[in-house]
Amino acid sequence: MNTSFSRGERIRKRRDYLLLADSGKKISTTHFIVIWRTGECGHARLGITVSRKVGIAVIRNRVKRRIREFFRLHKELFFTADFNIIGKRGAERLSYHGICRELDKALRSIRNQTCSSGC
C-alpha cells in the first residue's frame, strides 16, 4: 500500500480550488467542510484549507498536518475525485483520532451518496 502524499495527489492550483468551489458537492460536519468533485486524473487529489479564524499559523499548520496524515493512511476511503477539506473553527481542539473519526464518517457518507446514484 502506498502511504506517500505525492505531488500528483495534491490540489495545487487556484483554478482547481475555484472549480471545486463552483461545481463541487459539499458535506458539512461539526469541524470540517468537505467539497468533492469527480476527477479526471484517475486517482484522488486532496486540497486543504484552514482559515485564520482557526488560529495562528502554528495551529493552522498542525490541523493541516493531521488532515494530510489522515489522507495518507486512509486512501481507501477516497475515491477518484478532487477533495477540498476545509477546517472550521474548533478543529484545532480535536486530537488526531478525533479528526480521523469525523472525516471517516463524512467520507463514508459521501461514498454512500455517490455510490447510490451510480458507482
Protein backbone atom coordinates (compact mmCIF):
# COMPACT_ATOMS: atom_id res chain seq x y z
CA MET A 1 0.00 0.00 0.00
CA ASN A 2 1.33 3.41 -0.99
CA THR A 3 1.36 5.67 2.07
CA SER A 4 3.01 8.69 0.49
CA PHE A 5 1.43 12.04 -0.32
CA SER A 6 2.94 12.73 -3.70
CA ARG A 7 2.78 15.89 -5.75
CA GLY A 8 0.21 14.34 -8.08
CA GLU A 9 -2.13 13.74 -5.16
CA ARG A 10 -2.27 17.41 -4.20
CA ILE A 11 -4.51 20.16 -5.49
CA ARG A 12 -2.06 22.96 -6.06
CA LYS A 13 -3.63 25.45 -8.46
CA ARG A 14 -6.08 28.19 -7.53
CA ARG A 15 -8.08 27.34 -10.65
CA ASP A 16 -8.71 23.83 -9.29
CA TYR A 17 -9.87 25.17 -5.91
CA LEU A 18 -12.23 27.61 -7.65
CA LEU A 19 -13.61 24.85 -9.89
CA LEU A 20 -14.26 22.72 -6.83
CA ALA A 21 -16.00 25.60 -5.05
CA ASP A 22 -18.18 26.36 -8.09
CA SER A 23 -19.20 22.89 -9.22
CA GLY A 24 -18.35 20.55 -6.35
CA LYS A 25 -20.71 18.85 -3.94
CA LYS A 26 -20.45 19.70 -0.27
CA ILE A 27 -20.96 17.99 3.06
CA SER A 28 -20.51 19.72 6.39
CA THR A 29 -19.55 18.24 9.74
CA THR A 30 -19.05 19.92 13.09
CA HIS A 31 -15.42 20.88 12.39
CA PHE A 32 -14.96 20.40 8.64
CA ILE A 33 -16.49 21.09 5.26
CA VAL A 34 -15.65 18.53 2.60
CA ILE A 35 -16.11 19.59 -1.02
CA TRP A 36 -15.62 17.00 -3.75
CA ARG A 37 -15.88 16.75 -7.49
CA THR A 38 -15.30 13.70 -9.64
CA GLY A 39 -11.78 13.95 -11.04
CA GLU A 40 -10.34 13.13 -14.43
CA CYS A 41 -6.83 12.27 -13.26
CA GLY A 42 -7.54 8.65 -12.26
CA HIS A 43 -6.84 9.00 -8.54
CA ALA A 44 -7.91 11.05 -5.53
CA ARG A 45 -6.41 14.51 -5.04
CA LEU A 46 -6.53 16.50 -1.81
CA GLY A 47 -6.54 20.19 -1.04
CA ILE A 48 -6.65 21.55 2.49
CA THR A 49 -7.88 24.96 3.56
CA VAL A 50 -7.76 26.25 7.12
CA SER A 51 -8.68 29.89 7.66
CA ARG A 52 -7.16 32.35 10.09
CA LYS A 53 -10.29 32.05 12.22
CA VAL A 54 -8.97 28.68 13.41
CA GLY A 55 -5.87 30.21 14.99
CA ILE A 56 -2.32 31.34 14.45
CA ALA A 57 -0.10 29.76 11.77
CA VAL A 58 1.33 27.11 14.09
CA ILE A 59 -2.15 25.87 14.97
CA ARG A 60 -3.43 26.01 11.37
CA ASN A 61 -0.41 24.06 10.17
CA ARG A 62 -0.96 21.40 12.86
CA VAL A 63 -4.55 20.91 11.67
CA LYS A 64 -3.32 20.64 8.06
CA ARG A 65 -0.63 18.10 9.00
CA ARG A 66 -3.21 15.95 10.75
CA ILE A 67 -5.56 16.06 7.75
CA ARG A 68 -2.69 15.14 5.41
CA GLU A 69 -1.78 12.22 7.68
CA PHE A 70 -5.39 11.04 7.63
CA PHE A 71 -5.38 11.13 3.81
CA ARG A 72 -2.04 9.37 3.63
CA LEU A 73 -3.13 6.48 5.87
CA HIS A 74 -6.76 6.18 4.70
CA LYS A 75 -6.54 6.47 0.92
CA GLU A 76 -9.03 3.63 0.53
CA LEU A 77 -11.80 5.98 1.73
CA PHE A 78 -11.08 8.47 -1.05
CA PHE A 79 -12.49 7.55 -4.47
CA THR A 80 -11.32 9.07 -7.77
CA ALA A 81 -12.21 12.71 -7.18
CA ASP A 82 -10.79 16.04 -6.09
CA PHE A 83 -11.39 16.81 -2.42
CA ASN A 84 -11.00 20.06 -0.54
CA ILE A 85 -11.21 19.68 3.23
CA ILE A 86 -11.85 22.99 4.96
CA GLY A 87 -11.11 23.26 8.66
CA LYS A 88 -13.67 25.23 10.63
CA ARG A 89 -13.30 26.99 13.96
CA GLY A 90 -12.89 24.36 16.67
CA ALA A 91 -10.92 21.91 14.51
CA GLU A 92 -7.77 22.92 16.36
CA ARG A 93 -9.14 21.39 19.57
CA LEU A 94 -9.53 17.93 18.03
CA SER A 95 -6.95 15.25 18.58
CA TYR A 96 -5.69 13.29 15.59
CA HIS A 97 -8.12 10.49 16.46
CA GLY A 98 -10.99 12.98 16.67
CA ILE A 99 -10.14 14.26 13.20
CA CYS A 100 -9.98 10.67 11.93
CA ARG A 101 -13.40 9.82 13.37
CA GLU A 102 -15.08 12.90 11.94
CA LEU A 103 -13.51 12.67 8.46
CA ASP A 104 -14.08 8.90 8.31
CA LYS A 105 -17.78 9.41 8.99
CA ALA A 106 -18.02 12.22 6.40
CA LEU A 107 -16.21 10.24 3.70
CA ARG A 108 -18.34 7.14 4.27
CA SER A 109 -21.43 9.32 3.92
CA ILE A 110 -20.06 10.81 0.68
CA ARG A 111 -19.26 7.34 -0.67
CA ASN A 112 -22.81 6.16 0.15
CA GLN A 113 -24.33 9.20 -1.60
CA THR A 114 -22.11 8.79 -4.64
CA CYS A 115 -22.46 5.02 -4.96
CA SER A 116 -26.24 5.08 -4.51
CA SER A 117 -26.51 7.35 -7.57
CA GLY A 118 -24.27 5.07 -9.65
CA CYS A 119 -20.78 3.87 -8.81
